[in-house]
Amino acid sequence: MSGYEYIGQEPEFVTFSAFGHLFENYPSGLAENLITLEREGAIYSHFLVPGSEKEDGSADFAYYRIPFLPNEIYQYVEASLAYDQYQKAREAGASFDEALGRINDLDIVERVRRYGDFGHTEMKNGATLDIRGCHASFYPEGMEGLVCGARRDRYEELPERGATRDRFALLMQVINNFPVVARLVRLRQHDRPPFVIDNEYDVQDLLFALIRTVFEDAHREEWTPKLAGSAKRTDILVPSIGAMVEVKFVRDAKHAKTVADELKVDFESYHAHALCKHVIALVYDPAQHLSDAVQFGSELSGLRRKGEHSFDVTVLVR
């Protein structure tokens, strides 16, 4: 996890304790940073390998341990506490200025207020976006570069768990076995209530939990770059192997007639994501509304190319 809450991404939220403080409804990636900082004085992240960009738009990532100096740990924790105060105020309906007024550290208040040339970032459509209030806006000078990939001299590269091809095969195995897990959590012992899976969000949540136990860099719902004025969210992204996972839940016989068209639209949007090398679509059809699952998967699977960008598509109907 990079420690930065990117614009447009909706992270998972957790409640946890670190450094003697209870953080409630905190972004999970930032929570992991605080937990590992307290435990071992370091955070972990995947970053692009310099010079690894290829002509097809793909690139390689490496996994790093980022040790912090004692004063940096203190600064990061203080920034996180201030961010927590700010977010709680915003969630309660406070304006930007009102939320800043809830922060105890006046130096951090001024830092957030002036962040990024006062936060006005120009978008592709010409509009400006005020990015003040993101986690990085609370950092002291130099910390954003350390956390977000600009201090290679400070990083300790860690070995990945197997080659990229082997890791992709492992991801395929996890997704392919989803129906087994779904059945196990439904048929619980000792008269415990079942975990019901009856919509697409349920499938996404359970599948993400499975993937996240194996791939540390997996995360949810990242916006793909805008294409023709629109943007698409990926359900699950595993950047270390350039894989995106799309999830569909076949609701009924009527939906079974349109789900292929939905996937085609989704696949088209991934050409705007340069790091996409593989797309795996899990079409969960427990009631078997699709009349020919094998044909459905084979017709939609294969290489997709647009201009200089291409990626492989694998559609699994389960």
Protein backbone atom coordinates (compact mmCIF):
# COMPACT_ATOMS: atom_id res chain seq x y z
CA MET A 1 0.00 0.00 0.00
CA SER A 2 1.31 3.40 -0.89
CA GLY A 3 -0.24 5.31 1.99
CA TYR A 4 -1.86 7.79 -0.41
CA GLU A 5 -5.61 7.99 -0.83
CA TYR A 6 -5.95 8.53 -4.58
CA ILE A 7 -8.64 10.75 -5.99
CA GLY A 8 -11.53 8.69 -7.37
CA GLN A 9 -10.76 5.52 -5.46
CA GLU A 10 -13.12 4.30 -2.78
CA PRO A 11 -11.06 2.33 -0.26
CA GLU A 12 -12.20 -0.22 2.26
CA PHE A 13 -12.70 1.28 5.74
CA VAL A 14 -11.64 -0.35 9.00
CA THR A 15 -11.49 0.40 12.72
CA PHE A 16 -8.21 -0.34 14.50
CA SER A 17 -5.81 0.85 17.20
CA ALA A 18 -2.26 2.07 16.62
CA PHE A 19 0.13 4.28 18.56
CA GLY A 20 -2.36 4.47 21.45
CA HIS A 21 -5.17 5.91 19.31
CA LEU A 22 -8.40 4.35 18.08
CA PHE A 23 -8.91 5.06 14.37
CA GLU A 24 -12.49 4.52 13.24
CA ASN A 25 -13.67 4.08 9.62
CA TYR A 26 -10.14 4.62 8.34
CA PRO A 27 -8.99 3.69 4.79
CA SER A 28 -7.57 0.18 4.97
CA GLY A 29 -4.37 0.94 3.06
CA LEU A 30 -3.52 3.79 5.41
CA ALA A 31 -4.42 1.55 8.34
CA GLU A 32 -1.90 -1.05 7.18
CA ASN A 33 0.79 1.64 7.05
CA LEU A 34 0.14 2.68 10.65
CA ILE A 35 0.01 -0.90 11.89
CA THR A 36 3.31 -1.89 10.25
CA LEU A 37 4.93 1.38 11.35
CA GLU A 38 4.08 0.61 14.95
CA ARG A 39 5.14 -3.01 14.64
CA GLU A 40 8.41 -2.66 12.71
CA GLY A 41 9.00 0.99 11.81
CA ALA A 42 8.31 0.53 8.11
CA ILE A 43 5.57 0.43 5.47
CA TYR A 44 5.30 -1.69 2.30
CA SER A 45 4.39 -0.77 -1.25
CA HIS A 46 4.51 -1.75 -4.93
CA PHE A 47 6.16 0.78 -7.24
CA LEU A 48 6.87 0.93 -10.95
CA VAL A 49 10.34 -0.32 -11.85
CA PRO A 50 12.15 2.60 -13.57
CA GLY A 51 12.82 1.94 -17.23
CA SER A 52 10.51 -1.10 -17.35
CA GLU A 53 7.86 0.52 -19.55
CA LYS A 54 7.27 -1.46 -22.73
CA GLU A 55 5.98 -0.46 -26.16
CA ASP A 56 2.61 -2.10 -25.48
CA GLY A 57 2.08 0.19 -22.48
CA SER A 58 2.77 -2.47 -19.86
CA ALA A 59 5.42 -2.18 -17.16
CA ASP A 60 6.94 -4.10 -14.26
CA PHE A 61 6.37 -3.48 -10.57
CA ALA A 62 8.52 -4.39 -7.59
CA TYR A 63 7.61 -4.83 -3.93
CA TYR A 64 9.45 -2.65 -1.43
CA ARG A 65 9.90 -2.22 2.29
CA ILE A 66 10.23 1.45 3.29
CA PRO A 67 11.88 1.92 6.69
CA PHE A 68 11.13 5.20 8.46
CA LEU A 69 13.47 7.23 10.65
CA PRO A 70 12.20 7.90 14.20
CA ASN A 71 11.28 11.52 13.42
CA GLU A 72 9.48 10.39 10.24
CA ILE A 73 7.38 7.91 12.21
CA TYR A 74 6.39 10.72 14.57
CA GLN A 75 5.54 13.03 11.65
CA TYR A 76 3.50 10.37 9.84
CA VAL A 77 1.52 9.53 12.98
CA GLU A 78 0.85 13.22 13.69
CA ALA A 79 -0.31 13.69 10.09
CA SER A 80 -2.57 10.63 10.40
CA LEU A 81 -4.10 11.89 13.66
CA ALA A 82 -4.82 15.26 12.06
CA TYR A 83 -6.29 13.52 9.00
CA ASP A 84 -8.52 11.51 11.32
CA GLN A 85 -9.75 14.68 13.05
CA TYR A 86 -10.39 16.32 9.67
CA GLN A 87 -12.27 13.33 8.22
CA LYS A 88 -14.52 12.95 11.26
CA ALA A 89 -15.50 16.61 10.97
CA ARG A 90 -16.18 16.30 7.25
CA GLU A 91 -18.31 13.20 7.79
CA ALA A 92 -20.32 15.19 10.35
CA GLY A 93 -21.10 17.81 7.69
CA ALA A 94 -18.36 20.39 8.33
CA SER A 95 -17.01 22.48 5.48
CA PHE A 96 -13.35 22.36 4.48
CA ASP A 97 -12.45 25.35 6.65
CA GLU A 98 -14.60 24.15 9.55
CA ALA A 99 -12.93 20.72 9.43
CA LEU A 100 -9.48 22.31 9.45
CA GLY A 101 -10.55 24.16 12.58
CA ARG A 102 -10.95 20.81 14.36
CA ILE A 103 -7.25 19.99 13.89
CA ASN A 104 -5.12 20.66 16.96
CA ASP A 105 -1.80 21.16 15.16
CA LEU A 106 -1.84 24.61 13.50
CA ASP A 107 1.27 23.86 11.43
CA ILE A 108 -0.55 20.95 9.80
CA VAL A 109 -3.61 23.15 9.22
CA GLU A 110 -1.49 25.61 7.26
CA ARG A 111 0.21 22.76 5.41
CA VAL A 112 -3.13 21.36 4.22
CA ARG A 113 -4.43 24.79 3.29
CA ARG A 114 -1.45 25.48 1.01
CA TYR A 115 -1.03 21.96 -0.38
CA GLY A 116 -0.50 21.62 -4.13
CA ASP A 117 -0.57 25.34 -4.89
CA PHE A 118 -3.68 25.58 -2.76
CA GLY A 119 -4.98 22.30 -4.08
CA HIS A 120 -6.15 23.38 -7.49
CA THR A 121 -5.30 20.57 -9.89
CA GLU A 122 -6.33 20.98 -13.52
CA MET A 123 -8.30 18.07 -15.02
CA LYS A 124 -8.34 16.94 -18.65
CA ASN A 125 -11.70 18.61 -19.23
CA GLY A 126 -10.29 21.97 -18.12
CA ALA A 127 -11.98 21.96 -14.72
CA THR A 128 -10.00 22.34 -11.52
CA LEU A 129 -10.16 19.98 -8.57
CA ASP A 130 -9.35 20.96 -5.00
CA ILE A 131 -7.27 18.02 -3.69
CA ARG A 132 -6.60 19.50 -0.25
CA GLY A 133 -7.73 17.08 2.43
CA CYS A 134 -6.20 13.98 0.81
CA HIS A 135 -3.86 12.12 3.15
CA ALA A 136 -0.73 13.43 1.40
CA SER A 137 -1.74 17.03 2.04
CA PHE A 138 -1.09 16.42 5.76
CA TYR A 139 2.52 15.29 5.22
CA PRO A 140 5.55 17.46 6.04
CA GLU A 141 7.98 18.34 3.27
CA GLY A 142 9.65 15.29 1.74
CA MET A 143 7.31 12.67 3.14
CA GLU A 144 5.02 12.41 0.10
CA GLY A 145 8.02 11.53 -2.05
CA LEU A 146 9.12 8.90 0.46
CA VAL A 147 5.68 7.28 0.66
CA CYS A 148 4.75 7.56 -3.00
CA GLY A 149 7.80 6.25 -4.83
CA ALA A 150 10.28 9.12 -5.26
CA ARG A 151 12.98 8.00 -2.79
CA ARG A 152 14.45 4.85 -4.33
CA ASP A 153 17.59 5.29 -2.23
CA ARG A 154 15.48 4.56 0.87
CA TYR A 155 13.66 1.44 -0.36
CA GLU A 156 14.47 -2.20 0.27
CA GLU A 157 13.32 -4.33 -2.66
CA LEU A 158 11.68 -7.58 -1.61
CA PRO A 159 11.33 -10.76 -3.68
CA GLU A 160 7.95 -11.48 -5.19
CA ARG A 161 6.27 -14.78 -4.46
CA GLY A 162 7.17 -16.58 -7.67
CA ALA A 163 7.40 -15.43 -11.26
CA THR A 164 4.70 -13.26 -12.82
CA ARG A 165 3.38 -16.18 -14.86
CA ASP A 166 3.13 -18.36 -11.77
CA ARG A 167 1.40 -15.58 -9.85
CA PHE A 168 -1.10 -15.10 -12.68
CA ALA A 169 -1.84 -18.84 -12.59
CA LEU A 170 -2.35 -18.54 -8.83
CA LEU A 171 -4.82 -15.68 -9.34
CA MET A 172 -6.71 -17.78 -11.89
CA GLN A 173 -6.87 -20.65 -9.41
CA VAL A 174 -8.29 -18.41 -6.69
CA ILE A 175 -10.99 -17.06 -9.00
CA ASN A 176 -11.77 -20.44 -10.50
CA ASN A 177 -12.42 -21.87 -7.01
CA PHE A 178 -14.83 -19.12 -6.01
CA PRO A 179 -17.95 -21.38 -6.23
CA VAL A 180 -16.34 -23.81 -3.77
CA VAL A 181 -15.81 -21.01 -1.25
CA ALA A 182 -19.31 -19.66 -1.85
CA ARG A 183 -20.75 -23.09 -1.08
CA LEU A 184 -18.62 -23.50 2.04
CA VAL A 185 -19.69 -20.18 3.56
CA ARG A 186 -23.32 -20.93 2.73
CA LEU A 187 -23.37 -24.41 4.28
CA ARG A 188 -22.07 -23.63 7.75
CA GLN A 189 -21.95 -26.05 10.68
CA HIS A 190 -23.46 -25.90 14.16
CA ASP A 191 -26.64 -24.25 12.87
CA ARG A 192 -24.86 -21.01 12.17
CA PRO A 193 -26.61 -18.61 9.74
CA PRO A 194 -25.29 -18.80 6.17
CA PHE A 195 -23.33 -16.09 4.42
CA VAL A 196 -25.78 -15.26 1.64
CA ILE A 197 -24.52 -14.28 -1.81
CA ASP A 198 -27.38 -12.79 -3.75
CA ASN A 199 -25.95 -9.82 -5.69
CA GLU A 200 -22.83 -8.57 -7.45
CA TYR A 201 -21.53 -6.68 -4.41
CA ASP A 202 -21.57 -9.88 -2.35
CA VAL A 203 -19.50 -11.62 -5.02
CA GLN A 204 -17.05 -8.71 -5.18
CA ASP A 205 -16.59 -8.61 -1.41
CA LEU A 206 -15.95 -12.32 -1.00
CA LEU A 207 -13.72 -12.59 -4.08
CA PHE A 208 -11.67 -9.57 -3.01
CA ALA A 209 -11.16 -11.09 0.45
CA LEU A 210 -9.84 -14.27 -1.18
CA ILE A 211 -7.52 -12.46 -3.58
CA ARG A 212 -6.26 -10.05 -0.93
CA THR A 213 -5.01 -12.93 1.27
CA VAL A 214 -2.60 -13.92 -1.53
CA PHE A 215 -1.82 -10.63 -3.32
CA GLU A 216 -0.83 -7.85 -0.93
CA ASP A 217 -1.20 -5.13 -3.56
CA ALA A 218 -4.76 -6.07 -4.61
CA HIS A 219 -7.23 -3.24 -4.15
CA ARG A 220 -10.77 -2.28 -5.05
CA GLU A 221 -12.50 -0.05 -7.55
CA GLU A 222 -9.82 2.11 -9.14
CA TRP A 223 -10.99 4.51 -11.82
CA THR A 224 -9.56 3.73 -15.23
CA PRO A 225 -8.34 6.85 -17.05
CA LYS A 226 -11.05 8.84 -18.76
CA LEU A 227 -11.90 7.79 -22.29
CA ALA A 228 -14.17 9.95 -24.43
CA GLY A 229 -15.40 11.83 -21.39
CA SER A 230 -16.27 8.80 -19.31
CA ALA A 231 -14.50 6.56 -16.82
CA LYS A 232 -14.88 2.96 -15.66
CA ARG A 233 -14.20 1.40 -12.30
CA THR A 234 -12.33 -1.86 -12.17
CA ASP A 235 -13.79 -4.23 -9.59
CA ILE A 236 -10.42 -5.57 -8.38
CA LEU A 237 -6.93 -4.57 -9.49
CA VAL A 238 -3.69 -6.54 -8.94
CA PRO A 239 -1.02 -4.14 -10.28
CA SER A 240 2.00 -6.38 -9.60
CA ILE A 241 0.91 -8.71 -12.44
CA GLY A 242 -1.06 -6.17 -14.50
CA ALA A 243 -4.34 -7.99 -13.87
CA MET A 244 -7.84 -6.58 -13.56
CA VAL A 245 -10.74 -8.66 -12.31
CA GLU A 246 -14.27 -7.91 -13.48
CA VAL A 247 -17.23 -9.40 -11.63
CA LYS A 248 -20.73 -10.08 -12.95
CA PHE A 249 -23.61 -11.71 -11.10
CA VAL A 250 -26.31 -13.11 -13.38
CA ARG A 251 -29.46 -11.95 -11.63
CA ASP A 252 -32.12 -13.64 -13.76
CA ALA A 253 -32.92 -14.93 -17.24
CA LYS A 254 -33.46 -11.39 -18.54
CA HIS A 255 -30.07 -10.24 -17.30
CA ALA A 256 -28.46 -13.32 -18.88
CA LYS A 257 -29.37 -11.87 -22.29
CA THR A 258 -27.48 -8.59 -21.68
CA VAL A 259 -24.49 -9.55 -19.55
CA ALA A 260 -22.31 -10.25 -22.61
CA ASP A 261 -22.91 -6.73 -23.92
CA GLU A 262 -22.07 -5.30 -20.49
CA LEU A 263 -18.74 -7.13 -20.53
CA LYS A 264 -17.91 -5.92 -24.04
CA VAL A 265 -18.40 -2.32 -22.94
CA ASP A 266 -16.28 -2.92 -19.85
CA PHE A 267 -13.48 -4.53 -21.83
CA GLU A 268 -13.34 -1.58 -24.22
CA SER A 269 -12.69 0.82 -21.34
CA TYR A 270 -9.60 -1.10 -20.20
CA HIS A 271 -7.66 0.08 -23.26
CA ALA A 272 -7.40 3.42 -21.46
CA HIS A 273 -5.48 1.73 -18.63
CA ALA A 274 -1.91 1.38 -19.88
CA LEU A 275 -0.86 -1.12 -17.19
CA CYS A 276 -3.63 -3.58 -18.01
CA LYS A 277 -2.15 -6.81 -19.41
CA HIS A 278 -4.80 -9.32 -18.32
CA VAL A 279 -8.53 -9.08 -17.67
CA ILE A 280 -10.26 -11.92 -15.88
CA ALA A 281 -14.03 -11.78 -15.79
CA LEU A 282 -15.82 -13.93 -13.26
CA VAL A 283 -19.43 -14.38 -14.35
CA TYR A 284 -21.10 -15.93 -11.34
CA ASP A 285 -24.24 -17.77 -12.46
CA PRO A 286 -25.32 -20.00 -9.54
CA ALA A 287 -28.86 -20.44 -10.92
CA GLN A 288 -27.51 -21.34 -14.41
CA HIS A 289 -29.45 -18.71 -16.33
CA LEU A 290 -26.86 -18.81 -19.13
CA SER A 291 -27.88 -21.59 -21.51
CA ASP A 292 -24.35 -22.44 -22.72
CA ALA A 293 -21.67 -21.33 -20.27
CA VAL A 294 -18.81 -22.85 -22.28
CA GLN A 295 -19.74 -21.04 -25.49
CA PHE A 296 -20.37 -17.81 -23.56
CA GLY A 297 -16.87 -17.87 -22.09
CA SER A 298 -15.07 -18.90 -25.27
CA GLU A 299 -16.73 -16.23 -27.43
CA LEU A 300 -15.71 -13.41 -25.08
CA SER A 301 -12.23 -14.66 -24.20
CA GLY A 302 -9.12 -13.88 -26.23
CA LEU A 303 -6.74 -11.08 -27.21
CA ARG A 304 -8.15 -7.57 -27.51
CA ARG A 305 -6.18 -4.89 -29.30
CA LYS A 306 -6.81 -1.20 -29.88
CA GLY A 307 -4.08 0.90 -31.42
CA GLU A 308 -0.82 -0.02 -29.69
CA HIS A 309 -2.46 -1.40 -26.56
CA SER A 310 -3.55 -5.01 -26.10
CA PHE A 311 -4.53 -7.35 -23.29
CA ASP A 312 -5.76 -10.91 -22.83
CA VAL A 313 -9.31 -11.60 -21.69
CA THR A 314 -10.34 -14.74 -19.83
CA VAL A 315 -14.03 -15.17 -19.04
CA LEU A 316 -14.90 -17.74 -16.39
CA VAL A 317 -18.56 -18.71 -15.96
CA ARG A 318 -19.05 -20.39 -12.61
